[in-house]
Amino acid sequence: MKLRPIRRSAFTLIEIMIVVGIIGLLAVAIIPNITKNQELARLRMIQQNLRKIDGAKSLWALENNKPAGETPSPDDLKTYDGYPKSLAGEKYNINALGMPPTATLTGKLGTNAANSVIALPEE
């Protein structure tokens, strides 16, 4: 009768520590980028909402024969799906016809400080 040696297939403590260290390094490199990308996405979404408000203002003025200088209310724009909900605590300013809408931030977002005004980028 031959005795077979028992083989244990397990990771050593050193191997486990190396894997945990590599995962830690990857986490340190990735987490700040995820935060920056989330803030950039919120900023882009605010700009998209401003475009939506601007389009709804144009439709409102066209359908109601309103001259430049009049300002629609948020209720007027809701029928055109043009007054979005706040994403990052911003407050949307519709402004008068002929002027682009703006958004005022209540807190810091990316490189924008609290109470800064976001406007549509020039195209």
C-alpha atoms as a PDB file:
ATOM      1  CA  MET A   1       0.000   0.000   0.000  1.00  0.00           C
ATOM      2  CA  LYS A   2       1.412   3.377  -1.084  1.00  0.00           C
ATOM      3  CA  LEU A   3       0.745   6.485   0.886  1.00  0.00           C
ATOM      4  CA  ARG A   4      -0.045   9.510  -1.191  1.00  0.00           C
ATOM      5  CA  PRO A   5       1.142  12.839   0.165  1.00  0.00           C
ATOM      6  CA  ILE A   6      -1.687  15.254   0.868  1.00  0.00           C
ATOM      7  CA  ARG A   7      -1.349  18.389  -1.279  1.00  0.00           C
ATOM      8  CA  ARG A   8      -2.981  21.510  -0.089  1.00  0.00           C
ATOM      9  CA  SER A   9      -3.688  24.013  -2.815  1.00  0.00           C
ATOM     10  CA  ALA A  10      -4.001  27.330  -1.057  1.00  0.00           C
ATOM     11  CA  PHE A  11      -2.640  30.837  -1.399  1.00  0.00           C
ATOM     12  CA  THR A  12       0.182  31.903   0.831  1.00  0.00           C
ATOM     13  CA  LEU A  13      -0.046  34.962   3.014  1.00  0.00           C
ATOM     14  CA  ILE A  14       2.464  36.792   0.813  1.00  0.00           C
ATOM     15  CA  GLU A  15       0.391  36.166  -2.324  1.00  0.00           C
ATOM     16  CA  ILE A  16      -2.774  37.433  -0.654  1.00  0.00           C
ATOM     17  CA  MET A  17      -0.973  40.570   0.609  1.00  0.00           C
ATOM     18  CA  ILE A  18       0.353  41.322  -2.889  1.00  0.00           C
ATOM     19  CA  VAL A  19      -3.134  41.010  -4.428  1.00  0.00           C
ATOM     20  CA  VAL A  20      -4.663  43.246  -1.751  1.00  0.00           C
ATOM     21  CA  GLY A  21      -1.882  45.802  -2.318  1.00  0.00           C
ATOM     22  CA  ILE A  22      -2.477  45.864  -6.078  1.00  0.00           C
ATOM     23  CA  ILE A  23      -6.227  46.300  -5.580  1.00  0.00           C
ATOM     24  CA  GLY A  24      -5.526  49.156  -3.146  1.00  0.00           C
ATOM     25  CA  LEU A  25      -3.271  50.910  -5.678  1.00  0.00           C
ATOM     26  CA  LEU A  26      -5.924  50.590  -8.387  1.00  0.00           C
ATOM     27  CA  ALA A  27      -8.578  51.997  -6.051  1.00  0.00           C
ATOM     28  CA  VAL A  28      -6.364  54.990  -5.201  1.00  0.00           C
ATOM     29  CA  ALA A  29      -5.914  55.696  -8.917  1.00  0.00           C
ATOM     30  CA  ILE A  30      -9.552  55.226  -9.960  1.00  0.00           C
ATOM     31  CA  ILE A  31     -11.704  56.776  -7.197  1.00  0.00           C
ATOM     32  CA  PRO A  32     -10.657  60.450  -7.742  1.00  0.00           C
ATOM     33  CA  ASN A  33     -11.357  60.101 -11.477  1.00  0.00           C
ATOM     34  CA  ILE A  34     -14.833  58.732 -10.799  1.00  0.00           C
ATOM     35  CA  THR A  35     -15.640  61.755  -8.612  1.00  0.00           C
ATOM     36  CA  LYS A  36     -14.383  64.192 -11.252  1.00  0.00           C
ATOM     37  CA  ASN A  37     -16.387  62.446 -13.952  1.00  0.00           C
ATOM     38  CA  GLN A  38     -19.567  62.594 -11.858  1.00  0.00           C
ATOM     39  CA  GLU A  39     -19.149  66.344 -11.340  1.00  0.00           C
ATOM     40  CA  LEU A  40     -18.435  66.858 -15.030  1.00  0.00           C
ATOM     41  CA  ALA A  41     -21.548  64.833 -15.928  1.00  0.00           C
ATOM     42  CA  ARG A  42     -23.690  66.967 -13.579  1.00  0.00           C
ATOM     43  CA  LEU A  43     -22.297  70.146 -15.154  1.00  0.00           C
ATOM     44  CA  ARG A  44     -23.047  68.850 -18.658  1.00  0.00           C
ATOM     45  CA  MET A  45     -26.555  67.875 -17.568  1.00  0.00           C
ATOM     46  CA  ILE A  46     -27.141  71.413 -16.245  1.00  0.00           C
ATOM     47  CA  GLN A  47     -26.024  72.798 -19.621  1.00  0.00           C
ATOM     48  CA  GLN A  48     -28.368  70.368 -21.373  1.00  0.00           C
ATOM     49  CA  ASN A  49     -31.224  71.547 -19.146  1.00  0.00           C
ATOM     50  CA  LEU A  50     -30.418  75.153 -20.071  1.00  0.00           C
ATOM     51  CA  ARG A  51     -30.713  74.230 -23.762  1.00  0.00           C
ATOM     52  CA  LYS A  52     -34.044  72.575 -22.983  1.00  0.00           C
ATOM     53  CA  ILE A  53     -35.312  75.723 -21.236  1.00  0.00           C
ATOM     54  CA  ASP A  54     -34.126  77.881 -24.140  1.00  0.00           C
ATOM     55  CA  GLY A  55     -35.975  75.707 -26.655  1.00  0.00           C
ATOM     56  CA  ALA A  56     -39.144  75.729 -24.548  1.00  0.00           C
ATOM     57  CA  LYS A  57     -38.948  79.543 -24.295  1.00  0.00           C
ATOM     58  CA  SER A  58     -38.742  79.792 -28.075  1.00  0.00           C
ATOM     59  CA  LEU A  59     -41.741  77.516 -28.534  1.00  0.00           C
ATOM     60  CA  TRP A  60     -43.733  79.420 -25.919  1.00  0.00           C
ATOM     61  CA  ALA A  61     -42.981  82.751 -27.611  1.00  0.00           C
ATOM     62  CA  LEU A  62     -43.841  81.386 -31.052  1.00  0.00           C
ATOM     63  CA  GLU A  63     -47.139  79.800 -30.045  1.00  0.00           C
ATOM     64  CA  ASN A  64     -48.288  82.747 -27.925  1.00  0.00           C
ATOM     65  CA  ASN A  65     -46.993  85.566 -30.177  1.00  0.00           C
ATOM     66  CA  LYS A  66     -44.889  87.072 -27.399  1.00  0.00           C
ATOM     67  CA  PRO A  67     -42.409  89.862 -28.171  1.00  0.00           C
ATOM     68  CA  ALA A  68     -38.794  89.968 -27.015  1.00  0.00           C
ATOM     69  CA  GLY A  69     -38.442  91.065 -23.417  1.00  0.00           C
ATOM     70  CA  GLU A  70     -41.303  89.015 -21.955  1.00  0.00           C
ATOM     71  CA  THR A  71     -40.476  86.295 -19.468  1.00  0.00           C
ATOM     72  CA  PRO A  72     -42.407  83.017 -19.278  1.00  0.00           C
ATOM     73  CA  SER A  73     -43.125  81.423 -15.930  1.00  0.00           C
ATOM     74  CA  PRO A  74     -41.973  77.903 -15.062  1.00  0.00           C
ATOM     75  CA  ASP A  75     -45.597  76.789 -15.381  1.00  0.00           C
ATOM     76  CA  ASP A  76     -45.686  78.137 -18.949  1.00  0.00           C
ATOM     77  CA  LEU A  77     -42.638  76.044 -19.857  1.00  0.00           C
ATOM     78  CA  LYS A  78     -43.826  72.839 -18.199  1.00  0.00           C
ATOM     79  CA  THR A  79     -46.269  72.250 -21.040  1.00  0.00           C
ATOM     80  CA  TYR A  80     -43.243  72.083 -23.376  1.00  0.00           C
ATOM     81  CA  ASP A  81     -41.315  69.847 -20.943  1.00  0.00           C
ATOM     82  CA  GLY A  82     -38.973  72.787 -20.553  1.00  0.00           C
ATOM     83  CA  TYR A  83     -38.519  73.309 -16.850  1.00  0.00           C
ATOM     84  CA  PRO A  84     -36.323  70.503 -15.467  1.00  0.00           C
ATOM     85  CA  LYS A  85     -35.815  69.378 -11.905  1.00  0.00           C
ATOM     86  CA  SER A  86     -32.697  70.385 -10.010  1.00  0.00           C
ATOM     87  CA  LEU A  87     -29.783  67.932 -10.232  1.00  0.00           C
ATOM     88  CA  ALA A  88     -27.119  69.423  -8.010  1.00  0.00           C
ATOM     89  CA  GLY A  89     -29.050  72.006  -6.023  1.00  0.00           C
ATOM     90  CA  GLU A  90     -29.011  74.561  -8.847  1.00  0.00           C
ATOM     91  CA  LYS A  91     -31.708  77.173  -9.408  1.00  0.00           C
ATOM     92  CA  TYR A  92     -32.696  77.888 -12.999  1.00  0.00           C
ATOM     93  CA  ASN A  93     -33.246  81.490 -14.114  1.00  0.00           C
ATOM     94  CA  ILE A  94     -35.474  81.599 -17.185  1.00  0.00           C
ATOM     95  CA  ASN A  95     -34.666  85.241 -18.070  1.00  0.00           C
ATOM     96  CA  ALA A  96     -36.545  87.301 -20.657  1.00  0.00           C
ATOM     97  CA  LEU A  97     -36.960  86.332 -24.297  1.00  0.00           C
ATOM     98  CA  GLY A  98     -33.819  87.152 -26.236  1.00  0.00           C
ATOM     99  CA  MET A  99     -31.581  86.383 -23.260  1.00  0.00           C
ATOM    100  CA  PRO A 100     -30.291  82.846 -22.646  1.00  0.00           C
ATOM    101  CA  PRO A 101     -31.331  81.084 -19.439  1.00  0.00           C
ATOM    102  CA  THR A 102     -28.816  80.639 -16.613  1.00  0.00           C
ATOM    103  CA  ALA A 103     -28.434  78.414 -13.580  1.00  0.00           C
ATOM    104  CA  THR A 104     -27.152  79.505 -10.167  1.00  0.00           C
ATOM    105  CA  LEU A 105     -25.359  76.857  -8.118  1.00  0.00           C
ATOM    106  CA  THR A 106     -26.120  76.603  -4.423  1.00  0.00           C
ATOM    107  CA  GLY A 107     -22.993  74.557  -3.684  1.00  0.00           C
ATOM    108  CA  LYS A 108     -19.587  73.879  -5.200  1.00  0.00           C
ATOM    109  CA  LEU A 109     -19.604  71.788  -8.372  1.00  0.00           C
ATOM    110  CA  GLY A 110     -16.266  70.912  -9.945  1.00  0.00           C
ATOM    111  CA  THR A 111     -14.259  74.097 -10.425  1.00  0.00           C
ATOM    112  CA  ASN A 112     -17.375  76.260  -9.992  1.00  0.00           C
ATOM    113  CA  ALA A 113     -17.757  77.842  -6.563  1.00  0.00           C
ATOM    114  CA  ALA A 114     -21.017  78.158  -4.671  1.00  0.00           C
ATOM    115  CA  ASN A 115     -23.354  80.887  -6.017  1.00  0.00           C
ATOM    116  CA  SER A 116     -21.610  80.878  -9.410  1.00  0.00           C
ATOM    117  CA  VAL A 117     -23.725  81.271 -12.535  1.00  0.00           C
ATOM    118  CA  ILE A 118     -23.702  78.661 -15.290  1.00  0.00           C
ATOM    119  CA  ALA A 119     -24.626  79.869 -18.774  1.00  0.00           C
ATOM    120  CA  LEU A 120     -24.931  78.140 -22.118  1.00  0.00           C
ATOM    121  CA  PRO A 121     -21.569  77.817 -23.853  1.00  0.00           C
ATOM    122  CA  GLU A 122     -21.081  79.921 -26.958  1.00  0.00           C
ATOM    123  CA  GLU A 123     -21.510  77.833 -30.109  1.00  0.00           C
END
